[in-house]
Amino acid sequence: MTSTMTSLSSPTKKERWWAWHLENPHVYHLFKRFTLEALAKRRHKHLGAWLVVNRIRWETSIETTGEDFKISNDFIAYYARLFMAHYPEHTGLFRTKPLKEERGQYEGH
């Protein structure tokens, strides 16, 4: 089975994140808000995307009313990358490494 056939039969993690992101745009709005707030309060050279996502989890579970929603841990790295793409002046703010699904692309697999 080729990698093309595999990707046709089941979406990649990135594809699942993108579909979820499109259905939940408020999550990225909160990610931007809390990241920019952290940068305004302290001049961070690096910030943990997990820290930001856990703040979102806190705010949506404790501080607000309404339906709870879950943010998959698998999606956190994509929010960090999206933020740095939208705010290139903050490239490197979130430390990233190649994702498993990207590694094969760079190693010739």
PDB file of N, CA and C in Angstrom:
ATOM      1  N   MET A   1       0.856  -1.185   0.000  1.00  0.00           N
ATOM      2  CA  MET A   1       0.000   0.000   0.000  1.00  0.00           C
ATOM      3  C   MET A   1       0.894   1.237   0.000  1.00  0.00           C
ATOM      4  N   THR A   2       0.635   2.163  -0.872  1.00  0.00           N
ATOM      5  CA  THR A   2       1.442   3.378  -0.946  1.00  0.00           C
ATOM      6  C   THR A   2       0.953   4.397   0.068  1.00  0.00           C
ATOM      7  N   SER A   3       1.783   5.396   0.343  1.00  0.00           N
ATOM      8  CA  SER A   3       1.394   6.444   1.296  1.00  0.00           C
ATOM      9  C   SER A   3       0.195   7.235   0.790  1.00  0.00           C
ATOM     10  N   THR A   4       0.044   7.357  -0.545  1.00  0.00           N
ATOM     11  CA  THR A   4      -1.110   8.057  -1.102  1.00  0.00           C
ATOM     12  C   THR A   4      -2.394   7.316  -0.754  1.00  0.00           C
ATOM     13  N   MET A   5      -2.362   6.004  -0.854  1.00  0.00           N
ATOM     14  CA  MET A   5      -3.543   5.209  -0.533  1.00  0.00           C
ATOM     15  C   MET A   5      -3.881   5.327   0.946  1.00  0.00           C
ATOM     16  N   THR A   6      -2.865   5.345   1.780  1.00  0.00           N
ATOM     17  CA  THR A   6      -3.097   5.482   3.211  1.00  0.00           C
ATOM     18  C   THR A   6      -3.754   6.812   3.526  1.00  0.00           C
ATOM     19  N   SER A   7      -3.257   7.902   2.945  1.00  0.00           N
ATOM     20  CA  SER A   7      -3.820   9.204   3.253  1.00  0.00           C
ATOM     21  C   SER A   7      -5.242   9.346   2.728  1.00  0.00           C
ATOM     22  N   LEU A   8      -5.592   8.610   1.662  1.00  0.00           N
ATOM     23  CA  LEU A   8      -6.950   8.654   1.145  1.00  0.00           C
ATOM     24  C   LEU A   8      -7.910   7.912   2.065  1.00  0.00           C
ATOM     25  N   SER A   9      -7.437   6.859   2.709  1.00  0.00           N
ATOM     26  CA  SER A   9      -8.322   6.054   3.546  1.00  0.00           C
ATOM     27  C   SER A   9      -8.533   6.656   4.927  1.00  0.00           C
ATOM     28  N   SER A  10      -7.557   7.350   5.439  1.00  0.00           N
ATOM     29  CA  SER A  10      -7.720   7.972   6.759  1.00  0.00           C
ATOM     30  C   SER A  10      -7.017   9.326   6.760  1.00  0.00           C
ATOM     31  N   PRO A  11      -7.676  10.335   7.301  1.00  0.00           N
ATOM     32  CA  PRO A  11      -7.060  11.673   7.298  1.00  0.00           C
ATOM     33  C   PRO A  11      -5.828  11.715   8.198  1.00  0.00           C
ATOM     34  N   THR A  12      -4.897  12.552   7.830  1.00  0.00           N
ATOM     35  CA  THR A  12      -3.710  12.744   8.663  1.00  0.00           C
ATOM     36  C   THR A  12      -4.110  13.535   9.902  1.00  0.00           C
ATOM     37  N   LYS A  13      -3.213  13.572  10.843  1.00  0.00           N
ATOM     38  CA  LYS A  13      -3.450  14.356  12.056  1.00  0.00           C
ATOM     39  C   LYS A  13      -3.665  15.828  11.700  1.00  0.00           C
ATOM     40  N   LYS A  14      -2.863  16.314  10.766  1.00  0.00           N
ATOM     41  CA  LYS A  14      -2.995  17.710  10.353  1.00  0.00           C
ATOM     42  C   LYS A  14      -4.354  17.951   9.703  1.00  0.00           C
ATOM     43  N   GLU A  15      -4.832  17.040   8.896  1.00  0.00           N
ATOM     44  CA  GLU A  15      -6.145  17.175   8.265  1.00  0.00           C
ATOM     45  C   GLU A  15      -7.264  17.140   9.308  1.00  0.00           C
ATOM     46  N   ARG A  16      -7.117  16.273  10.307  1.00  0.00           N
ATOM     47  CA  ARG A  16      -8.121  16.216  11.383  1.00  0.00           C
ATOM     48  C   ARG A  16      -8.123  17.524  12.170  1.00  0.00           C
ATOM     49  N   TRP A  17      -6.902  18.061  12.452  1.00  0.00           N
ATOM     50  CA  TRP A  17      -6.819  19.337  13.157  1.00  0.00           C
ATOM     51  C   TRP A  17      -7.478  20.438  12.339  1.00  0.00           C
ATOM     52  N   TRP A  18      -7.191  20.513  11.049  1.00  0.00           N
ATOM     53  CA  TRP A  18      -7.728  21.595  10.230  1.00  0.00           C
ATOM     54  C   TRP A  18      -9.256  21.553  10.203  1.00  0.00           C
ATOM     55  N   ALA A  19      -9.816  20.369  10.064  1.00  0.00           N
ATOM     56  CA  ALA A  19     -11.286  20.224  10.071  1.00  0.00           C
ATOM     57  C   ALA A  19     -11.848  20.696  11.412  1.00  0.00           C
ATOM     58  N   TRP A  20     -11.192  20.308  12.515  1.00  0.00           N
ATOM     59  CA  TRP A  20     -11.640  20.712  13.852  1.00  0.00           C
ATOM     60  C   TRP A  20     -11.483  22.218  14.029  1.00  0.00           C
ATOM     61  N   HIS A  21     -10.379  22.747  13.552  1.00  0.00           N
ATOM     62  CA  HIS A  21     -10.110  24.185  13.638  1.00  0.00           C
ATOM     63  C   HIS A  21     -11.193  24.986  12.916  1.00  0.00           C
ATOM     64  N   LEU A  22     -11.589  24.545  11.738  1.00  0.00           N
ATOM     65  CA  LEU A  22     -12.619  25.252  10.977  1.00  0.00           C
ATOM     66  C   LEU A  22     -13.967  25.242  11.695  1.00  0.00           C
ATOM     67  N   GLU A  23     -14.221  24.192  12.451  1.00  0.00           N
ATOM     68  CA  GLU A  23     -15.469  24.103  13.223  1.00  0.00           C
ATOM     69  C   GLU A  23     -15.392  24.846  14.547  1.00  0.00           C
ATOM     70  N   ASN A  24     -14.187  25.169  15.010  1.00  0.00           N
ATOM     71  CA  ASN A  24     -13.970  25.789  16.319  1.00  0.00           C
ATOM     72  C   ASN A  24     -13.016  26.983  16.220  1.00  0.00           C
ATOM     73  N   PRO A  25     -13.346  27.983  15.417  1.00  0.00           N
ATOM     74  CA  PRO A  25     -12.412  29.106  15.234  1.00  0.00           C
ATOM     75  C   PRO A  25     -12.161  29.894  16.516  1.00  0.00           C
ATOM     76  N   HIS A  26     -13.075  29.815  17.464  1.00  0.00           N
ATOM     77  CA  HIS A  26     -12.915  30.528  18.731  1.00  0.00           C
ATOM     78  C   HIS A  26     -11.682  30.052  19.502  1.00  0.00           C
ATOM     79  N   VAL A  27     -11.279  28.813  19.284  1.00  0.00           N
ATOM     80  CA  VAL A  27     -10.096  28.294  19.986  1.00  0.00           C
ATOM     81  C   VAL A  27      -8.850  29.054  19.546  1.00  0.00           C
ATOM     82  N   TYR A  28      -8.707  29.261  18.241  1.00  0.00           N
ATOM     83  CA  TYR A  28      -7.537  30.000  17.773  1.00  0.00           C
ATOM     84  C   TYR A  28      -7.604  31.464  18.207  1.00  0.00           C
ATOM     85  N   HIS A  29      -8.781  32.034  18.241  1.00  0.00           N
ATOM     86  CA  HIS A  29      -8.914  33.411  18.734  1.00  0.00           C
ATOM     87  C   HIS A  29      -8.419  33.496  20.179  1.00  0.00           C
ATOM     88  N   LEU A  30      -8.794  32.520  20.996  1.00  0.00           N
ATOM     89  CA  LEU A  30      -8.310  32.500  22.383  1.00  0.00           C
ATOM     90  C   LEU A  30      -6.809  32.248  22.433  1.00  0.00           C
ATOM     91  N   PHE A  31      -6.308  31.361  21.563  1.00  0.00           N
ATOM     92  CA  PHE A  31      -4.873  31.088  21.520  1.00  0.00           C
ATOM     93  C   PHE A  31      -4.107  32.374  21.217  1.00  0.00           C
ATOM     94  N   LYS A  32      -4.556  33.117  20.217  1.00  0.00           N
ATOM     95  CA  LYS A  32      -3.909  34.399  19.888  1.00  0.00           C
ATOM     96  C   LYS A  32      -4.010  35.375  21.054  1.00  0.00           C
ATOM     97  N   ARG A  33      -5.200  35.495  21.606  1.00  0.00           N
ATOM     98  CA  ARG A  33      -5.419  36.450  22.699  1.00  0.00           C
ATOM     99  C   ARG A  33      -4.500  36.169  23.877  1.00  0.00           C
ATOM    100  N   PHE A  34      -4.453  34.931  24.329  1.00  0.00           N
ATOM    101  CA  PHE A  34      -3.653  34.607  25.507  1.00  0.00           C
ATOM    102  C   PHE A  34      -2.149  34.656  25.212  1.00  0.00           C
ATOM    103  N   THR A  35      -1.760  34.319  23.996  1.00  0.00           N
ATOM    104  CA  THR A  35      -0.342  34.423  23.635  1.00  0.00           C
ATOM    105  C   THR A  35       0.086  35.887  23.605  1.00  0.00           C
ATOM    106  N   LEU A  36      -0.708  36.722  22.952  1.00  0.00           N
ATOM    107  CA  LEU A  36      -0.370  38.149  22.878  1.00  0.00           C
ATOM    108  C   LEU A  36      -0.422  38.799  24.256  1.00  0.00           C
ATOM    109  N   GLU A  37      -1.341  38.347  25.090  1.00  0.00           N
ATOM    110  CA  GLU A  37      -1.415  38.861  26.466  1.00  0.00           C
ATOM    111  C   GLU A  37      -0.149  38.504  27.241  1.00  0.00           C
ATOM    112  N   ALA A  38       0.314  37.274  27.091  1.00  0.00           N
ATOM    113  CA  ALA A  38       1.546  36.852  27.773  1.00  0.00           C
ATOM    114  C   ALA A  38       2.737  37.665  27.277  1.00  0.00           C
ATOM    115  N   LEU A  39       2.782  37.927  25.984  1.00  0.00           N
ATOM    116  CA  LEU A  39       3.880  38.723  25.429  1.00  0.00           C
ATOM    117  C   LEU A  39       3.833  40.168  25.913  1.00  0.00           C
ATOM    118  N   ALA A  40       2.638  40.706  26.090  1.00  0.00           N
ATOM    119  CA  ALA A  40       2.500  42.094  26.544  1.00  0.00           C
ATOM    120  C   ALA A  40       2.895  42.250  28.010  1.00  0.00           C
ATOM    121  N   LYS A  41       2.620  41.219  28.812  1.00  0.00           N
ATOM    122  CA  LYS A  41       2.911  41.312  30.243  1.00  0.00           C
ATOM    123  C   LYS A  41       4.370  41.036  30.558  1.00  0.00           C
ATOM    124  N   ARG A  42       4.968  40.164  29.766  1.00  0.00           N
ATOM    125  CA  ARG A  42       6.376  39.815  29.958  1.00  0.00           C
ATOM    126  C   ARG A  42       7.008  39.636  28.594  1.00  0.00           C
ATOM    127  N   ARG A  43       8.243  39.982  28.497  1.00  0.00           N
ATOM    128  CA  ARG A  43       8.931  39.832  27.213  1.00  0.00           C
ATOM    129  C   ARG A  43       9.535  38.435  27.122  1.00  0.00           C
ATOM    130  N   HIS A  44       8.705  37.499  26.780  1.00  0.00           N
ATOM    131  CA  HIS A  44       9.154  36.108  26.663  1.00  0.00           C
ATOM    132  C   HIS A  44       9.949  35.914  25.377  1.00  0.00           C
ATOM    133  N   LYS A  45      11.047  35.162  25.493  1.00  0.00           N
ATOM    134  CA  LYS A  45      11.754  34.729  24.292  1.00  0.00           C
ATOM    135  C   LYS A  45      11.103  33.459  23.775  1.00  0.00           C
ATOM    136  N   HIS A  46      10.610  32.650  24.710  1.00  0.00           N
ATOM    137  CA  HIS A  46       9.935  31.404  24.361  1.00  0.00           C
ATOM    138  C   HIS A  46       8.712  31.262  25.253  1.00  0.00           C
ATOM    139  N   LEU A  47       7.718  30.613  24.717  1.00  0.00           N
ATOM    140  CA  LEU A  47       6.478  30.382  25.449  1.00  0.00           C
ATOM    141  C   LEU A  47       5.998  28.987  25.096  1.00  0.00           C
ATOM    142  N   GLY A  48       5.431  28.298  26.049  1.00  0.00           N
ATOM    143  CA  GLY A  48       4.932  26.961  25.788  1.00  0.00           C
ATOM    144  C   GLY A  48       3.516  26.985  25.232  1.00  0.00           C
ATOM    145  N   ALA A  49       3.327  26.334  24.103  1.00  0.00           N
ATOM    146  CA  ALA A  49       1.985  26.239  23.524  1.00  0.00           C
ATOM    147  C   ALA A  49       1.057  25.481  24.477  1.00  0.00           C
ATOM    148  N   TRP A  50       1.602  24.530  25.220  1.00  0.00           N
ATOM    149  CA  TRP A  50       0.793  23.802  26.204  1.00  0.00           C
ATOM    150  C   TRP A  50       0.274  24.753  27.279  1.00  0.00           C
ATOM    151  N   LEU A  51       1.095  25.703  27.681  1.00  0.00           N
ATOM    152  CA  LEU A  51       0.676  26.693  28.667  1.00  0.00           C
ATOM    153  C   LEU A  51      -0.538  27.465  28.153  1.00  0.00           C
ATOM    154  N   VAL A  52      -0.473  27.903  26.908  1.00  0.00           N
ATOM    155  CA  VAL A  52      -1.563  28.671  26.310  1.00  0.00           C
ATOM    156  C   VAL A  52      -2.819  27.813  26.197  1.00  0.00           C
ATOM    157  N   VAL A  53      -2.677  26.588  25.720  1.00  0.00           N
ATOM    158  CA  VAL A  53      -3.843  25.702  25.571  1.00  0.00           C
ATOM    159  C   VAL A  53      -4.451  25.372  26.929  1.00  0.00           C
ATOM    160  N   ASN A  54      -3.632  25.181  27.926  1.00  0.00           N
ATOM    161  CA  ASN A  54      -4.189  24.904  29.255  1.00  0.00           C
ATOM    162  C   ASN A  54      -4.904  26.125  29.822  1.00  0.00           C
ATOM    163  N   ARG A  55      -4.470  27.314  29.471  1.00  0.00           N
ATOM    164  CA  ARG A  55      -5.219  28.516  29.856  1.00  0.00           C
ATOM    165  C   ARG A  55      -6.578  28.527  29.161  1.00  0.00           C
ATOM    166  N   ILE A  56      -6.610  28.154  27.895  1.00  0.00           N
ATOM    167  CA  ILE A  56      -7.884  28.052  27.166  1.00  0.00           C
ATOM    168  C   ILE A  56      -8.781  27.034  27.847  1.00  0.00           C
ATOM    169  N   ARG A  57      -8.209  25.905  28.211  1.00  0.00           N
ATOM    170  CA  ARG A  57      -8.992  24.864  28.901  1.00  0.00           C
ATOM    171  C   ARG A  57      -9.565  25.398  30.208  1.00  0.00           C
ATOM    172  N   TRP A  58      -8.757  26.131  30.953  1.00  0.00           N
ATOM    173  CA  TRP A  58      -9.211  26.714  32.213  1.00  0.00           C
ATOM    174  C   TRP A  58     -10.363  27.690  31.956  1.00  0.00           C
ATOM    175  N   GLU A  59     -10.135  28.603  31.052  1.00  0.00           N
ATOM    176  CA  GLU A  59     -11.141  29.631  30.773  1.00  0.00           C
ATOM    177  C   GLU A  59     -12.460  29.023  30.302  1.00  0.00           C
ATOM    178  N   THR A  60     -12.395  28.031  29.450  1.00  0.00           N
ATOM    179  CA  THR A  60     -13.622  27.469  28.890  1.00  0.00           C
ATOM    180  C   THR A  60     -14.290  26.473  29.826  1.00  0.00           C
ATOM    181  N   SER A  61     -13.534  25.906  30.757  1.00  0.00           N
ATOM    182  CA  SER A  61     -14.121  24.940  31.693  1.00  0.00           C
ATOM    183  C   SER A  61     -14.562  25.573  33.005  1.00  0.00           C
ATOM    184  N   ILE A  62     -13.809  26.549  33.486  1.00  0.00           N
ATOM    185  CA  ILE A  62     -14.038  27.112  34.817  1.00  0.00           C
ATOM    186  C   ILE A  62     -14.690  28.485  34.753  1.00  0.00           C
ATOM    187  N   GLU A  63     -14.179  29.337  33.904  1.00  0.00           N
ATOM    188  CA  GLU A  63     -14.582  30.740  33.905  1.00  0.00           C
ATOM    189  C   GLU A  63     -15.822  31.044  33.068  1.00  0.00           C
ATOM    190  N   THR A  64     -16.218  30.138  32.198  1.00  0.00           N
ATOM    191  CA  THR A  64     -17.361  30.408  31.336  1.00  0.00           C
ATOM    192  C   THR A  64     -18.448  29.367  31.541  1.00  0.00           C
ATOM    193  N   THR A  65     -19.629  29.684  31.090  1.00  0.00           N
ATOM    194  CA  THR A  65     -20.717  28.716  31.145  1.00  0.00           C
ATOM    195  C   THR A  65     -21.002  28.249  29.729  1.00  0.00           C
ATOM    196  N   GLY A  66     -21.735  27.185  29.611  1.00  0.00           N
ATOM    197  CA  GLY A  66     -22.043  26.644  28.294  1.00  0.00           C
ATOM    198  C   GLY A  66     -21.391  25.290  28.119  1.00  0.00           C
ATOM    199  N   GLU A  67     -21.409  24.835  26.894  1.00  0.00           N
ATOM    200  CA  GLU A  67     -20.885  23.510  26.593  1.00  0.00           C
ATOM    201  C   GLU A  67     -19.376  23.466  26.705  1.00  0.00           C
ATOM    202  N   ASP A  68     -18.876  22.411  27.333  1.00  0.00           N
ATOM    203  CA  ASP A  68     -17.436  22.177  27.352  1.00  0.00           C
ATOM    204  C   ASP A  68     -17.021  21.611  26.001  1.00  0.00           C
ATOM    205  N   PHE A  69     -15.821  21.873  25.607  1.00  0.00           N
ATOM    206  CA  PHE A  69     -15.272  21.226  24.427  1.00  0.00           C
ATOM    207  C   PHE A  69     -13.861  20.789  24.758  1.00  0.00           C
ATOM    208  N   LYS A  70     -13.389  19.822  24.052  1.00  0.00           N
ATOM    209  CA  LYS A  70     -12.068  19.267  24.317  1.00  0.00           C
ATOM    210  C   LYS A  70     -11.119  19.676  23.197  1.00  0.00           C
ATOM    211  N   ILE A  71      -9.931  20.073  23.581  1.00  0.00           N
ATOM    212  CA  ILE A  71      -8.871  20.353  22.620  1.00  0.00           C
ATOM    213  C   ILE A  71      -7.905  19.185  22.692  1.00  0.00           C
ATOM    214  N   SER A  72      -7.769  18.466  21.612  1.00  0.00           N
ATOM    215  CA  SER A  72      -6.860  17.329  21.582  1.00  0.00           C
ATOM    216  C   SER A  72      -5.422  17.800  21.754  1.00  0.00           C
ATOM    217  N   ASN A  73      -4.673  17.080  22.557  1.00  0.00           N
ATOM    218  CA  ASN A  73      -3.243  17.380  22.702  1.00  0.00           C
ATOM    219  C   ASN A  73      -2.534  17.268  21.355  1.00  0.00           C
ATOM    220  N   ASP A  74      -3.077  16.428  20.467  1.00  0.00           N
ATOM    221  CA  ASP A  74      -2.479  16.257  19.142  1.00  0.00           C
ATOM    222  C   ASP A  74      -2.509  17.544  18.324  1.00  0.00           C
ATOM    223  N   PHE A  75      -3.372  18.488  18.690  1.00  0.00           N
ATOM    224  CA  PHE A  75      -3.558  19.697  17.897  1.00  0.00           C
ATOM    225  C   PHE A  75      -2.710  20.883  18.375  1.00  0.00           C
ATOM    226  N   ILE A  76      -2.104  20.773  19.533  1.00  0.00           N
ATOM    227  CA  ILE A  76      -1.395  21.916  20.132  1.00  0.00           C
ATOM    228  C   ILE A  76      -0.271  22.430  19.232  1.00  0.00           C
ATOM    229  N   ALA A  77       0.525  21.541  18.681  1.00  0.00           N
ATOM    230  CA  ALA A  77       1.652  21.958  17.835  1.00  0.00           C
ATOM    231  C   ALA A  77       1.180  22.735  16.616  1.00  0.00           C
ATOM    232  N   TYR A  78       0.014  22.383  16.105  1.00  0.00           N
ATOM    233  CA  TYR A  78      -0.506  23.086  14.926  1.00  0.00           C
ATOM    234  C   TYR A  78      -0.928  24.511  15.273  1.00  0.00           C
ATOM    235  N   TYR A  79      -1.461  24.723  16.469  1.00  0.00           N
ATOM    236  CA  TYR A  79      -1.812  26.083  16.877  1.00  0.00           C
ATOM    237  C   TYR A  79      -0.551  26.937  17.039  1.00  0.00           C
ATOM    238  N   ALA A  80       0.502  26.356  17.571  1.00  0.00           N
ATOM    239  CA  ALA A  80       1.767  27.094  17.700  1.00  0.00           C
ATOM    240  C   ALA A  80       2.290  27.497  16.330  1.00  0.00           C
ATOM    241  N   ARG A  81       2.267  26.577  15.384  1.00  0.00           N
ATOM    242  CA  ARG A  81       2.748  26.859  14.034  1.00  0.00           C
ATOM    243  C   ARG A  81       1.873  27.905  13.340  1.00  0.00           C
ATOM    244  N   LEU A  82       0.559  27.798  13.526  1.00  0.00           N
ATOM    245  CA  LEU A  82      -0.353  28.752  12.905  1.00  0.00           C
ATOM    246  C   LEU A  82      -0.108  30.163  13.446  1.00  0.00           C
ATOM    247  N   PHE A  83       0.081  30.263  14.765  1.00  0.00           N
ATOM    248  CA  PHE A  83       0.346  31.571  15.357  1.00  0.00           C
ATOM    249  C   PHE A  83       1.614  32.185  14.769  1.00  0.00           C
ATOM    250  N   MET A  84       2.683  31.406  14.691  1.00  0.00           N
ATOM    251  CA  MET A  84       3.947  31.944  14.190  1.00  0.00           C
ATOM    252  C   MET A  84       3.864  32.273  12.700  1.00  0.00           C
ATOM    253  N   ALA A  85       3.006  31.575  11.960  1.00  0.00           N
ATOM    254  CA  ALA A  85       2.799  31.912  10.544  1.00  0.00           C
ATOM    255  C   ALA A  85       2.058  33.241  10.415  1.00  0.00           C
ATOM    256  N   HIS A  86       1.105  33.472  11.311  1.00  0.00           N
ATOM    257  CA  HIS A  86       0.346  34.728  11.278  1.00  0.00           C
ATOM    258  C   HIS A  86       1.128  35.904  11.873  1.00  0.00           C
ATOM    259  N   TYR A  87       2.052  35.614  12.763  1.00  0.00           N
ATOM    260  CA  TYR A  87       2.856  36.650  13.420  1.00  0.00           C
ATOM    261  C   TYR A  87       4.341  36.321  13.223  1.00  0.00           C
ATOM    262  N   PRO A  88       4.863  36.538  12.017  1.00  0.00           N
ATOM    263  CA  PRO A  88       6.253  36.148  11.746  1.00  0.00           C
ATOM    264  C   PRO A  88       7.274  36.845  12.639  1.00  0.00           C
ATOM    265  N   GLU A  89       6.894  37.971  13.224  1.00  0.00           N
ATOM    266  CA  GLU A  89       7.815  38.630  14.158  1.00  0.00           C
ATOM    267  C   GLU A  89       8.030  37.797  15.417  1.00  0.00           C
ATOM    268  N   HIS A  90       7.187  36.791  15.616  1.00  0.00           N
ATOM    269  CA  HIS A  90       7.312  35.898  16.771  1.00  0.00           C
ATOM    270  C   HIS A  90       7.752  34.490  16.375  1.00  0.00           C
ATOM    271  N   THR A  91       8.355  34.372  15.199  1.00  0.00           N
ATOM    272  CA  THR A  91       8.893  33.077  14.782  1.00  0.00           C
ATOM    273  C   THR A  91       9.890  32.606  15.830  1.00  0.00           C
ATOM    274  N   GLY A  92       9.754  31.388  16.259  1.00  0.00           N
ATOM    275  CA  GLY A  92      10.633  30.839  17.284  1.00  0.00           C
ATOM    276  C   GLY A  92      10.109  31.002  18.694  1.00  0.00           C
ATOM    277  N   LEU A  93       9.018  31.722  18.860  1.00  0.00           N
ATOM    278  CA  LEU A  93       8.432  31.889  20.196  1.00  0.00           C
ATOM    279  C   LEU A  93       8.073  30.530  20.790  1.00  0.00           C
ATOM    280  N   PHE A  94       7.446  29.702  19.965  1.00  0.00           N
ATOM    281  CA  PHE A  94       7.120  28.338  20.385  1.00  0.00           C
ATOM    282  C   PHE A  94       8.169  27.425  19.768  1.00  0.00           C
ATOM    283  N   ARG A  95       8.800  26.628  20.595  1.00  0.00           N
ATOM    284  CA  ARG A  95       9.805  25.690  20.086  1.00  0.00           C
ATOM    285  C   ARG A  95       9.076  24.527  19.430  1.00  0.00           C
ATOM    286  N   THR A  96       9.417  24.294  18.191  1.00  0.00           N
ATOM    287  CA  THR A  96       8.767  23.216  17.454  1.00  0.00           C
ATOM    288  C   THR A  96       9.827  22.270  16.903  1.00  0.00           C
ATOM    289  N   LYS A  97       9.395  21.081  16.616  1.00  0.00           N
ATOM    290  CA  LYS A  97      10.255  20.102  15.963  1.00  0.00           C
ATOM    291  C   LYS A  97       9.409  19.454  14.878  1.00  0.00           C
ATOM    292  N   PRO A  98      10.042  18.807  13.908  1.00  0.00           N
ATOM    293  CA  PRO A  98       9.240  18.176  12.857  1.00  0.00           C
ATOM    294  C   PRO A  98       8.245  17.180  13.461  1.00  0.00           C
ATOM    295  N   LEU A  99       7.039  17.220  12.957  1.00  0.00           N
ATOM    296  CA  LEU A  99       6.019  16.289  13.406  1.00  0.00           C
ATOM    297  C   LEU A  99       6.258  14.932  12.755  1.00  0.00           C
ATOM    298  N   LYS A 100       5.759  13.879  13.369  1.00  0.00           N
ATOM    299  CA  LYS A 100       5.973  12.527  12.836  1.00  0.00           C
ATOM    300  C   LYS A 100       5.572  12.425  11.378  1.00  0.00           C
ATOM    301  N   GLU A 101       4.428  12.996  11.034  1.00  0.00           N
ATOM    302  CA  GLU A 101       3.966  12.889   9.644  1.00  0.00           C
ATOM    303  C   GLU A 101       4.807  13.723   8.685  1.00  0.00           C
ATOM    304  N   GLU A 102       5.572  14.679   9.203  1.00  0.00           N
ATOM    305  CA  GLU A 102       6.457  15.490   8.353  1.00  0.00           C
ATOM    306  C   GLU A 102       7.828  14.847   8.207  1.00  0.00           C
ATOM    307  N   ARG A 103       8.249  14.069   9.179  1.00  0.00           N
ATOM    308  CA  ARG A 103       9.611  13.515   9.181  1.00  0.00           C
ATOM    309  C   ARG A 103       9.891  12.683   7.951  1.00  0.00           C
ATOM    310  N   GLY A 104       8.957  11.860   7.534  1.00  0.00           N
ATOM    311  CA  GLY A 104       9.162  11.019   6.354  1.00  0.00           C
ATOM    312  C   GLY A 104       9.389  11.838   5.102  1.00  0.00           C
ATOM    313  N   GLN A 105       8.759  13.008   5.022  1.00  0.00           N
ATOM    314  CA  GLN A 105       8.908  13.879   3.864  1.00  0.00           C
ATOM    315  C   GLN A 105      10.336  14.375   3.756  1.00  0.00           C
ATOM    316  N   TYR A 106      10.967  14.638   4.885  1.00  0.00           N
ATOM    317  CA  TYR A 106      12.314  15.202   4.863  1.00  0.00           C
ATOM    318  C   TYR A 106      13.391  14.132   4.784  1.00  0.00           C
ATOM    319  N   GLU A 107      13.033  12.901   5.086  1.00  0.00           N
ATOM    320  CA  GLU A 107      14.024  11.828   5.082  1.00  0.00           C
ATOM    321  C   GLU A 107      13.950  10.993   3.815  1.00  0.00           C
ATOM    322  N   GLY A 108      13.115  11.420   2.861  1.00  0.00           N
ATOM    323  CA  GLY A 108      13.032  10.709   1.602  1.00  0.00           C
ATOM    324  C   GLY A 108      12.160   9.476   1.647  1.00  0.00           C
ATOM    325  N   HIS A 109      11.295   9.342   2.650  1.00  0.00           N
ATOM    326  CA  HIS A 109      10.390   8.178   2.730  1.00  0.00           C
ATOM    327  C   HIS A 109       9.124   8.437   1.984  1.00  0.00           C
TER     328      HIS A 109
END
